[in-house]
Amino acid sequence: MNPLRPRIQTEAELNAFDQTCEGIAGFDDQFSFERVDGMLCALAATPHSVEPAVWLPALFGDAFERAFGDPEAQAQALRALQARLAVLRSELDPEALFDEPDYLRLEPLVAEWDDESRRKLVEEGALSEEDAALVQTGVEWAEGFLGAVEALPQLWTLPEHEEAAAVFEQSFQQIEVLLLPADSDDYRAHVAAAYPKGEPTRDELLAEACMSVQDLRMYWVDFAPKTETRRVEAAPGRNDPCPCGSGKKYKKCHGA
């Protein structure tokens, strides 16, 4: 068992997060709890610390401010989002990930969809049969994650290192496959290449996507740009000639 356990989110915090997402969705219905969780997961997957004043408008546009116009309500909603972000960051703690690289720590908040739940959507007139077929577990979470990457490109500088670029590309492909229809050529090609023993279940695809997010988090540790070492020349002695060429002793010139 990993000694660095992820932070456990309380039921009250989960309820507050759900209510916050419902409030935002009242002004822009794309922001389901699942999509918002994917967005926050993308924030947690980078080592960069970004202030809410930056990521709130980048991720939500003006929907957050419109949903919570009152300062107290806004502060409460922000606390709910930050509490969820703290959980995701603890699940993606790089020290814990390196300690057990094959252990799945990330637990996204996703809605479970099966044939029965999709049929209900059609019967209720919420979606056509064609659109209902596209409703799959993890789709909105993946859309939220990838949307946040696009909205905050400064956090996702592409690596120049060849090995790092390969990790980057493979990880994103494993997340993007959640968006592909099961009957598409791209999906079939991915399954044939990544799952030679047979087609994976939806839960297996989601688990692989989560492992890829963990790989991305470890990528920043493995391939982060190294700070260039600064060389500092030793200062001359006080009685040595000044290096400026004045002919004076250093203590009488630039060392004065």
C-alpha atoms as a PDB file:
ATOM      1  CA  MET A   1       0.000   0.000   0.000  1.00  0.00           C
ATOM      2  CA  ASN A   2       1.353   3.407  -0.903  1.00  0.00           C
ATOM      3  CA  PRO A   3       2.383   5.237   2.284  1.00  0.00           C
ATOM      4  CA  LEU A   4       1.546   8.578   0.715  1.00  0.00           C
ATOM      5  CA  ARG A   5      -2.223   8.233   0.700  1.00  0.00           C
ATOM      6  CA  PRO A   6      -4.286  10.669  -1.378  1.00  0.00           C
ATOM      7  CA  ARG A   7      -6.330  13.240   0.472  1.00  0.00           C
ATOM      8  CA  ILE A   8      -9.838  11.916   1.080  1.00  0.00           C
ATOM      9  CA  GLN A   9     -12.667  14.242   0.066  1.00  0.00           C
ATOM     10  CA  THR A  10     -15.507  14.498   2.532  1.00  0.00           C
ATOM     11  CA  GLU A  11     -19.149  14.062   1.587  1.00  0.00           C
ATOM     12  CA  ALA A  12     -19.771  17.718   2.445  1.00  0.00           C
ATOM     13  CA  GLU A  13     -16.982  18.808   0.092  1.00  0.00           C
ATOM     14  CA  LEU A  14     -18.343  16.603  -2.704  1.00  0.00           C
ATOM     15  CA  ASN A  15     -21.824  18.052  -2.212  1.00  0.00           C
ATOM     16  CA  ALA A  16     -20.408  21.578  -2.312  1.00  0.00           C
ATOM     17  CA  PHE A  17     -18.513  20.747  -5.505  1.00  0.00           C
ATOM     18  CA  ASP A  18     -21.647  19.298  -7.102  1.00  0.00           C
ATOM     19  CA  GLN A  19     -23.700  22.371  -6.149  1.00  0.00           C
ATOM     20  CA  THR A  20     -21.019  24.669  -7.517  1.00  0.00           C
ATOM     21  CA  CYS A  21     -21.017  22.828 -10.850  1.00  0.00           C
ATOM     22  CA  GLU A  22     -24.822  23.008 -10.982  1.00  0.00           C
ATOM     23  CA  GLY A  23     -24.662  26.747 -10.370  1.00  0.00           C
ATOM     24  CA  ILE A  24     -22.160  27.278 -13.206  1.00  0.00           C
ATOM     25  CA  ALA A  25     -24.158  24.969 -15.500  1.00  0.00           C
ATOM     26  CA  GLY A  26     -27.177  27.203 -14.936  1.00  0.00           C
ATOM     27  CA  PHE A  27     -25.416  29.810 -17.097  1.00  0.00           C
ATOM     28  CA  ASP A  28     -23.564  27.411 -19.405  1.00  0.00           C
ATOM     29  CA  ASP A  29     -24.889  23.861 -19.488  1.00  0.00           C
ATOM     30  CA  GLN A  30     -21.633  22.345 -20.743  1.00  0.00           C
ATOM     31  CA  PHE A  31     -20.163  22.561 -17.235  1.00  0.00           C
ATOM     32  CA  SER A  32     -21.309  19.268 -15.728  1.00  0.00           C
ATOM     33  CA  PHE A  33     -19.525  17.993 -12.620  1.00  0.00           C
ATOM     34  CA  GLU A  34     -17.720  15.496 -14.859  1.00  0.00           C
ATOM     35  CA  ARG A  35     -16.387  18.100 -17.274  1.00  0.00           C
ATOM     36  CA  VAL A  36     -15.326  20.408 -14.443  1.00  0.00           C
ATOM     37  CA  ASP A  37     -13.506  17.525 -12.755  1.00  0.00           C
ATOM     38  CA  GLY A  38     -11.591  16.875 -15.984  1.00  0.00           C
ATOM     39  CA  MET A  39     -10.675  20.552 -16.205  1.00  0.00           C
ATOM     40  CA  LEU A  40      -9.367  20.630 -12.650  1.00  0.00           C
ATOM     41  CA  CYS A  41      -7.488  17.396 -13.260  1.00  0.00           C
ATOM     42  CA  ALA A  42      -5.592  19.094 -16.086  1.00  0.00           C
ATOM     43  CA  LEU A  43      -4.607  21.865 -13.658  1.00  0.00           C
ATOM     44  CA  ALA A  44      -3.439  19.282 -11.125  1.00  0.00           C
ATOM     45  CA  ALA A  45      -1.390  17.401 -13.727  1.00  0.00           C
ATOM     46  CA  THR A  46       1.089  20.259 -14.175  1.00  0.00           C
ATOM     47  CA  PRO A  47       3.613  21.492 -11.589  1.00  0.00           C
ATOM     48  CA  HIS A  48       2.703  25.118 -12.225  1.00  0.00           C
ATOM     49  CA  SER A  49       0.914  27.139  -9.601  1.00  0.00           C
ATOM     50  CA  VAL A  50      -1.748  29.316 -11.229  1.00  0.00           C
ATOM     51  CA  GLU A  51      -3.933  31.791  -9.364  1.00  0.00           C
ATOM     52  CA  PRO A  52      -7.734  31.427  -9.582  1.00  0.00           C
ATOM     53  CA  ALA A  53      -7.820  34.881 -11.171  1.00  0.00           C
ATOM     54  CA  VAL A  54      -6.117  33.248 -14.169  1.00  0.00           C
ATOM     55  CA  TRP A  55      -7.736  29.822 -14.419  1.00  0.00           C
ATOM     56  CA  LEU A  56     -11.320  30.754 -13.515  1.00  0.00           C
ATOM     57  CA  PRO A  57     -11.931  32.959 -16.602  1.00  0.00           C
ATOM     58  CA  ALA A  58      -9.769  30.726 -18.803  1.00  0.00           C
ATOM     59  CA  LEU A  59     -11.836  27.646 -17.958  1.00  0.00           C
ATOM     60  CA  PHE A  60     -15.305  29.060 -17.344  1.00  0.00           C
ATOM     61  CA  GLY A  61     -15.416  32.309 -19.287  1.00  0.00           C
ATOM     62  CA  ASP A  62     -17.901  34.565 -17.492  1.00  0.00           C
ATOM     63  CA  ALA A  63     -20.155  31.699 -16.330  1.00  0.00           C
ATOM     64  CA  PHE A  64     -18.553  31.509 -12.873  1.00  0.00           C
ATOM     65  CA  GLU A  65     -18.981  35.210 -12.118  1.00  0.00           C
ATOM     66  CA  ARG A  66     -22.520  35.212 -13.495  1.00  0.00           C
ATOM     67  CA  ALA A  67     -23.457  32.192 -11.390  1.00  0.00           C
ATOM     68  CA  PHE A  68     -21.998  33.617  -8.187  1.00  0.00           C
ATOM     69  CA  GLY A  69     -22.380  37.377  -8.286  1.00  0.00           C
ATOM     70  CA  ASP A  70     -22.452  37.785  -4.517  1.00  0.00           C
ATOM     71  CA  PRO A  71     -18.900  37.931  -3.051  1.00  0.00           C
ATOM     72  CA  GLU A  72     -19.687  35.460  -0.288  1.00  0.00           C
ATOM     73  CA  ALA A  73     -21.290  32.993  -2.706  1.00  0.00           C
ATOM     74  CA  GLN A  74     -18.337  33.375  -5.043  1.00  0.00           C
ATOM     75  CA  ALA A  75     -15.862  32.712  -2.240  1.00  0.00           C
ATOM     76  CA  GLN A  76     -17.792  29.625  -1.155  1.00  0.00           C
ATOM     77  CA  ALA A  77     -17.924  28.286  -4.716  1.00  0.00           C
ATOM     78  CA  LEU A  78     -14.209  28.886  -5.182  1.00  0.00           C
ATOM     79  CA  ARG A  79     -13.470  26.987  -1.964  1.00  0.00           C
ATOM     80  CA  ALA A  80     -15.450  24.038  -3.330  1.00  0.00           C
ATOM     81  CA  LEU A  81     -13.419  24.016  -6.555  1.00  0.00           C
ATOM     82  CA  GLN A  82     -10.128  24.411  -4.699  1.00  0.00           C
ATOM     83  CA  ALA A  83     -11.009  21.562  -2.323  1.00  0.00           C
ATOM     84  CA  ARG A  84     -11.509  19.261  -5.298  1.00  0.00           C
ATOM     85  CA  LEU A  85      -8.298  20.551  -6.892  1.00  0.00           C
ATOM     86  CA  ALA A  86      -6.401  19.775  -3.674  1.00  0.00           C
ATOM     87  CA  VAL A  87      -7.655  16.176  -3.771  1.00  0.00           C
ATOM     88  CA  LEU A  88      -6.585  15.767  -7.394  1.00  0.00           C
ATOM     89  CA  ARG A  89      -3.158  17.198  -6.628  1.00  0.00           C
ATOM     90  CA  SER A  90      -2.706  14.761  -3.761  1.00  0.00           C
ATOM     91  CA  GLU A  91      -3.723  11.872  -6.029  1.00  0.00           C
ATOM     92  CA  LEU A  92      -1.129  13.087  -8.533  1.00  0.00           C
ATOM     93  CA  ASP A  93       1.614  13.627  -5.956  1.00  0.00           C
ATOM     94  CA  PRO A  94       4.806  12.892  -7.951  1.00  0.00           C
ATOM     95  CA  GLU A  95       6.685  11.349  -5.012  1.00  0.00           C
ATOM     96  CA  ALA A  96       3.886   8.831  -4.500  1.00  0.00           C
ATOM     97  CA  LEU A  97       3.621   8.151  -8.236  1.00  0.00           C
ATOM     98  CA  PHE A  98       7.330   7.404  -8.526  1.00  0.00           C
ATOM     99  CA  ASP A  99       7.133   5.186  -5.436  1.00  0.00           C
ATOM    100  CA  GLU A 100       4.518   2.966  -7.121  1.00  0.00           C
ATOM    101  CA  PRO A 101       4.352   3.839 -10.845  1.00  0.00           C
ATOM    102  CA  ASP A 102       1.887   1.033 -11.668  1.00  0.00           C
ATOM    103  CA  TYR A 103      -0.579   1.952  -8.926  1.00  0.00           C
ATOM    104  CA  LEU A 104      -3.663   3.856 -10.085  1.00  0.00           C
ATOM    105  CA  ARG A 105      -4.158   6.741  -7.662  1.00  0.00           C
ATOM    106  CA  LEU A 106      -6.314   9.071  -9.750  1.00  0.00           C
ATOM    107  CA  GLU A 107     -10.044   8.660  -9.163  1.00  0.00           C
ATOM    108  CA  PRO A 108     -12.020  10.953 -11.493  1.00  0.00           C
ATOM    109  CA  LEU A 109     -15.636  11.892 -10.913  1.00  0.00           C
ATOM    110  CA  VAL A 110     -17.473  10.416 -13.877  1.00  0.00           C
ATOM    111  CA  ALA A 111     -21.030   9.366 -14.642  1.00  0.00           C
ATOM    112  CA  GLU A 112     -21.502   5.673 -15.429  1.00  0.00           C
ATOM    113  CA  TRP A 113     -23.343   5.033 -18.701  1.00  0.00           C
ATOM    114  CA  ASP A 114     -24.651   1.706 -20.002  1.00  0.00           C
ATOM    115  CA  ASP A 115     -27.214   0.545 -22.579  1.00  0.00           C
ATOM    116  CA  GLU A 116     -30.078   0.874 -20.088  1.00  0.00           C
ATOM    117  CA  SER A 117     -29.272   4.472 -19.099  1.00  0.00           C
ATOM    118  CA  ARG A 118     -28.821   5.458 -22.752  1.00  0.00           C
ATOM    119  CA  ARG A 119     -32.168   3.892 -23.671  1.00  0.00           C
ATOM    120  CA  LYS A 120     -33.841   5.987 -20.985  1.00  0.00           C
ATOM    121  CA  LEU A 121     -32.427   9.138 -22.554  1.00  0.00           C
ATOM    122  CA  VAL A 122     -34.026   8.170 -25.854  1.00  0.00           C
ATOM    123  CA  GLU A 123     -37.357   7.226 -24.249  1.00  0.00           C
ATOM    124  CA  GLU A 124     -37.476  10.528 -22.383  1.00  0.00           C
ATOM    125  CA  GLY A 125     -36.813  12.405 -25.619  1.00  0.00           C
ATOM    126  CA  ALA A 126     -33.611  13.909 -24.255  1.00  0.00           C
ATOM    127  CA  LEU A 127     -31.503  12.530 -27.122  1.00  0.00           C
ATOM    128  CA  SER A 128     -31.926  10.778 -30.427  1.00  0.00           C
ATOM    129  CA  GLU A 129     -30.727   7.191 -30.733  1.00  0.00           C
ATOM    130  CA  GLU A 130     -27.750   8.394 -32.779  1.00  0.00           C
ATOM    131  CA  ASP A 131     -26.723  10.980 -30.186  1.00  0.00           C
ATOM    132  CA  ALA A 132     -27.376   8.614 -27.274  1.00  0.00           C
ATOM    133  CA  ALA A 133     -24.932   6.120 -28.775  1.00  0.00           C
ATOM    134  CA  LEU A 134     -22.208   8.753 -28.331  1.00  0.00           C
ATOM    135  CA  VAL A 135     -22.890   9.059 -24.597  1.00  0.00           C
ATOM    136  CA  GLN A 136     -20.114   7.016 -23.042  1.00  0.00           C
ATOM    137  CA  THR A 137     -18.462   6.891 -19.632  1.00  0.00           C
ATOM    138  CA  GLY A 138     -15.560   9.339 -19.447  1.00  0.00           C
ATOM    139  CA  VAL A 139     -16.362  11.410 -22.544  1.00  0.00           C
ATOM    140  CA  GLU A 140     -17.176  14.639 -20.710  1.00  0.00           C
ATOM    141  CA  TRP A 141     -14.257  14.166 -18.317  1.00  0.00           C
ATOM    142  CA  ALA A 142     -11.854  13.802 -21.259  1.00  0.00           C
ATOM    143  CA  GLU A 143     -13.414  16.813 -22.985  1.00  0.00           C
ATOM    144  CA  GLY A 144     -12.899  18.835 -19.816  1.00  0.00           C
ATOM    145  CA  PHE A 145      -9.269  17.747 -19.461  1.00  0.00           C
ATOM    146  CA  LEU A 146      -8.356  18.443 -23.085  1.00  0.00           C
ATOM    147  CA  GLY A 147     -10.341  21.683 -23.084  1.00  0.00           C
ATOM    148  CA  ALA A 148      -8.373  22.948 -20.088  1.00  0.00           C
ATOM    149  CA  VAL A 149      -5.089  22.084 -21.819  1.00  0.00           C
ATOM    150  CA  GLU A 150      -6.224  24.142 -24.807  1.00  0.00           C
ATOM    151  CA  ALA A 151      -7.431  27.017 -22.610  1.00  0.00           C
ATOM    152  CA  LEU A 152      -4.151  27.253 -20.676  1.00  0.00           C
ATOM    153  CA  PRO A 153      -1.438  26.440 -23.247  1.00  0.00           C
ATOM    154  CA  GLN A 154       1.226  28.192 -21.174  1.00  0.00           C
ATOM    155  CA  LEU A 155       1.082  25.252 -18.748  1.00  0.00           C
ATOM    156  CA  TRP A 156       1.653  22.678 -21.484  1.00  0.00           C
ATOM    157  CA  THR A 157       4.834  23.607 -23.343  1.00  0.00           C
ATOM    158  CA  LEU A 158       5.664  20.834 -25.778  1.00  0.00           C
ATOM    159  CA  PRO A 159       8.898  19.015 -24.897  1.00  0.00           C
ATOM    160  CA  GLU A 160      11.927  19.190 -27.163  1.00  0.00           C
ATOM    161  CA  HIS A 161      13.437  15.972 -25.794  1.00  0.00           C
ATOM    162  CA  GLU A 162      12.557  13.089 -28.152  1.00  0.00           C
ATOM    163  CA  GLU A 163      11.729  10.624 -25.385  1.00  0.00           C
ATOM    164  CA  ALA A 164       9.674  13.234 -23.538  1.00  0.00           C
ATOM    165  CA  ALA A 165       7.760  14.086 -26.695  1.00  0.00           C
ATOM    166  CA  ALA A 166       6.870  10.410 -27.111  1.00  0.00           C
ATOM    167  CA  VAL A 167       5.558  10.212 -23.533  1.00  0.00           C
ATOM    168  CA  PHE A 168       3.589  13.386 -24.122  1.00  0.00           C
ATOM    169  CA  GLU A 169       2.010  12.154 -27.355  1.00  0.00           C
ATOM    170  CA  GLN A 170       1.176   8.651 -26.103  1.00  0.00           C
ATOM    171  CA  SER A 171      -0.398   9.984 -22.928  1.00  0.00           C
ATOM    172  CA  PHE A 172      -2.659  12.394 -24.781  1.00  0.00           C
ATOM    173  CA  GLN A 173      -3.654   9.718 -27.281  1.00  0.00           C
ATOM    174  CA  GLN A 174      -4.841   7.508 -24.438  1.00  0.00           C
ATOM    175  CA  ILE A 175      -7.046  10.346 -23.149  1.00  0.00           C
ATOM    176  CA  GLU A 176      -8.315  11.314 -26.607  1.00  0.00           C
ATOM    177  CA  VAL A 177      -9.434   7.762 -27.371  1.00  0.00           C
ATOM    178  CA  LEU A 178     -12.253   8.239 -24.844  1.00  0.00           C
ATOM    179  CA  LEU A 179     -13.808  10.667 -27.319  1.00  0.00           C
ATOM    180  CA  LEU A 180     -13.759   8.306 -30.290  1.00  0.00           C
ATOM    181  CA  PRO A 181     -16.933   6.447 -31.348  1.00  0.00           C
ATOM    182  CA  ALA A 182     -16.459   2.692 -31.028  1.00  0.00           C
ATOM    183  CA  ASP A 183     -17.261   2.197 -34.729  1.00  0.00           C
ATOM    184  CA  SER A 184     -14.720   4.750 -35.989  1.00  0.00           C
ATOM    185  CA  ASP A 185     -11.586   3.745 -37.887  1.00  0.00           C
ATOM    186  CA  ASP A 186      -9.364   5.664 -35.456  1.00  0.00           C
ATOM    187  CA  TYR A 187     -10.841   3.797 -32.493  1.00  0.00           C
ATOM    188  CA  ARG A 188     -10.393   0.412 -34.165  1.00  0.00           C
ATOM    189  CA  ALA A 189      -6.804   1.264 -35.072  1.00  0.00           C
ATOM    190  CA  HIS A 190      -6.041   2.284 -31.494  1.00  0.00           C
ATOM    191  CA  VAL A 191      -7.578  -0.890 -30.049  1.00  0.00           C
ATOM    192  CA  ALA A 192      -5.689  -3.086 -32.523  1.00  0.00           C
ATOM    193  CA  ALA A 193      -2.386  -1.419 -31.599  1.00  0.00           C
ATOM    194  CA  ALA A 194      -2.841  -1.071 -27.833  1.00  0.00           C
ATOM    195  CA  TYR A 195      -5.030  -4.076 -26.976  1.00  0.00           C
ATOM    196  CA  PRO A 196      -3.892  -7.103 -29.022  1.00  0.00           C
ATOM    197  CA  LYS A 197      -5.796  -9.488 -26.711  1.00  0.00           C
ATOM    198  CA  GLY A 198      -9.165  -7.954 -27.518  1.00  0.00           C
ATOM    199  CA  GLU A 199     -11.319  -4.862 -27.230  1.00  0.00           C
ATOM    200  CA  PRO A 200     -11.140  -3.205 -23.787  1.00  0.00           C
ATOM    201  CA  THR A 201     -14.129  -2.359 -21.642  1.00  0.00           C
ATOM    202  CA  ARG A 202     -15.025   1.275 -21.100  1.00  0.00           C
ATOM    203  CA  ASP A 203     -13.716   1.059 -17.536  1.00  0.00           C
ATOM    204  CA  GLU A 204     -10.388  -0.234 -18.828  1.00  0.00           C
ATOM    205  CA  LEU A 205     -10.133   2.664 -21.276  1.00  0.00           C
ATOM    206  CA  LEU A 206     -10.858   5.145 -18.502  1.00  0.00           C
ATOM    207  CA  ALA A 207      -8.279   3.504 -16.225  1.00  0.00           C
ATOM    208  CA  GLU A 208      -5.654   3.733 -18.981  1.00  0.00           C
ATOM    209  CA  ALA A 209      -6.515   7.401 -19.490  1.00  0.00           C
ATOM    210  CA  CYS A 210      -6.027   8.026 -15.766  1.00  0.00           C
ATOM    211  CA  MET A 211      -2.688   6.205 -15.821  1.00  0.00           C
ATOM    212  CA  SER A 212      -1.704   8.453 -18.725  1.00  0.00           C
ATOM    213  CA  VAL A 213      -2.521  11.530 -16.642  1.00  0.00           C
ATOM    214  CA  GLN A 214      -0.227  10.124 -13.952  1.00  0.00           C
ATOM    215  CA  ASP A 215       2.464   9.635 -16.609  1.00  0.00           C
ATOM    216  CA  LEU A 216       2.053  13.266 -17.628  1.00  0.00           C
ATOM    217  CA  ARG A 217       2.502  14.368 -14.026  1.00  0.00           C
ATOM    218  CA  MET A 218       5.704  12.323 -13.730  1.00  0.00           C
ATOM    219  CA  TYR A 219       6.865  13.677 -17.087  1.00  0.00           C
ATOM    220  CA  TRP A 220       7.325  17.121 -15.568  1.00  0.00           C
ATOM    221  CA  VAL A 221       9.715  15.666 -13.001  1.00  0.00           C
ATOM    222  CA  ASP A 222      11.649  13.544 -15.497  1.00  0.00           C
ATOM    223  CA  PHE A 223      11.947  16.084 -18.294  1.00  0.00           C
ATOM    224  CA  ALA A 224      11.533  19.523 -16.710  1.00  0.00           C
ATOM    225  CA  PRO A 225      13.925  22.086 -18.242  1.00  0.00           C
ATOM    226  CA  LYS A 226      17.125  22.275 -16.224  1.00  0.00           C
ATOM    227  CA  THR A 227      18.190  25.664 -14.900  1.00  0.00           C
ATOM    228  CA  GLU A 228      21.431  26.738 -16.568  1.00  0.00           C
ATOM    229  CA  THR A 229      24.325  26.936 -14.131  1.00  0.00           C
ATOM    230  CA  ARG A 230      25.574  30.491 -13.807  1.00  0.00           C
ATOM    231  CA  ARG A 231      29.365  30.894 -13.714  1.00  0.00           C
ATOM    232  CA  VAL A 232      30.635  33.660 -11.464  1.00  0.00           C
ATOM    233  CA  GLU A 233      34.236  34.804 -11.766  1.00  0.00           C
ATOM    234  CA  ALA A 234      36.169  35.118  -8.535  1.00  0.00           C
ATOM    235  CA  ALA A 235      36.583  38.742  -7.367  1.00  0.00           C
ATOM    236  CA  PRO A 236      40.172  40.051  -7.415  1.00  0.00           C
ATOM    237  CA  GLY A 237      42.004  40.677  -4.150  1.00  0.00           C
ATOM    238  CA  ARG A 238      41.814  44.174  -2.711  1.00  0.00           C
ATOM    239  CA  ASN A 239      45.487  44.857  -3.509  1.00  0.00           C
ATOM    240  CA  ASP A 240      45.364  43.272  -6.987  1.00  0.00           C
ATOM    241  CA  PRO A 241      45.215  45.444 -10.113  1.00  0.00           C
ATOM    242  CA  CYS A 242      41.643  46.373 -10.980  1.00  0.00           C
ATOM    243  CA  PRO A 243      40.436  44.259 -13.945  1.00  0.00           C
ATOM    244  CA  CYS A 244      38.986  47.387 -15.592  1.00  0.00           C
ATOM    245  CA  GLY A 245      42.516  48.310 -16.745  1.00  0.00           C
ATOM    246  CA  SER A 246      42.763  51.624 -14.888  1.00  0.00           C
ATOM    247  CA  GLY A 247      46.164  50.716 -13.386  1.00  0.00           C
ATOM    248  CA  LYS A 248      44.819  51.303  -9.877  1.00  0.00           C
ATOM    249  CA  LYS A 249      44.527  48.730  -7.138  1.00  0.00           C
ATOM    250  CA  TYR A 250      41.112  47.070  -6.973  1.00  0.00           C
ATOM    251  CA  LYS A 251      40.452  48.563  -3.503  1.00  0.00           C
ATOM    252  CA  LYS A 252      41.054  52.075  -4.885  1.00  0.00           C
ATOM    253  CA  CYS A 253      38.917  51.562  -7.990  1.00  0.00           C
ATOM    254  CA  HIS A 254      35.887  49.283  -8.527  1.00  0.00           C
ATOM    255  CA  GLY A 255      36.364  47.654  -5.140  1.00  0.00           C
ATOM    256  CA  ALA A 256      36.029  50.967  -3.299  1.00  0.00           C
END
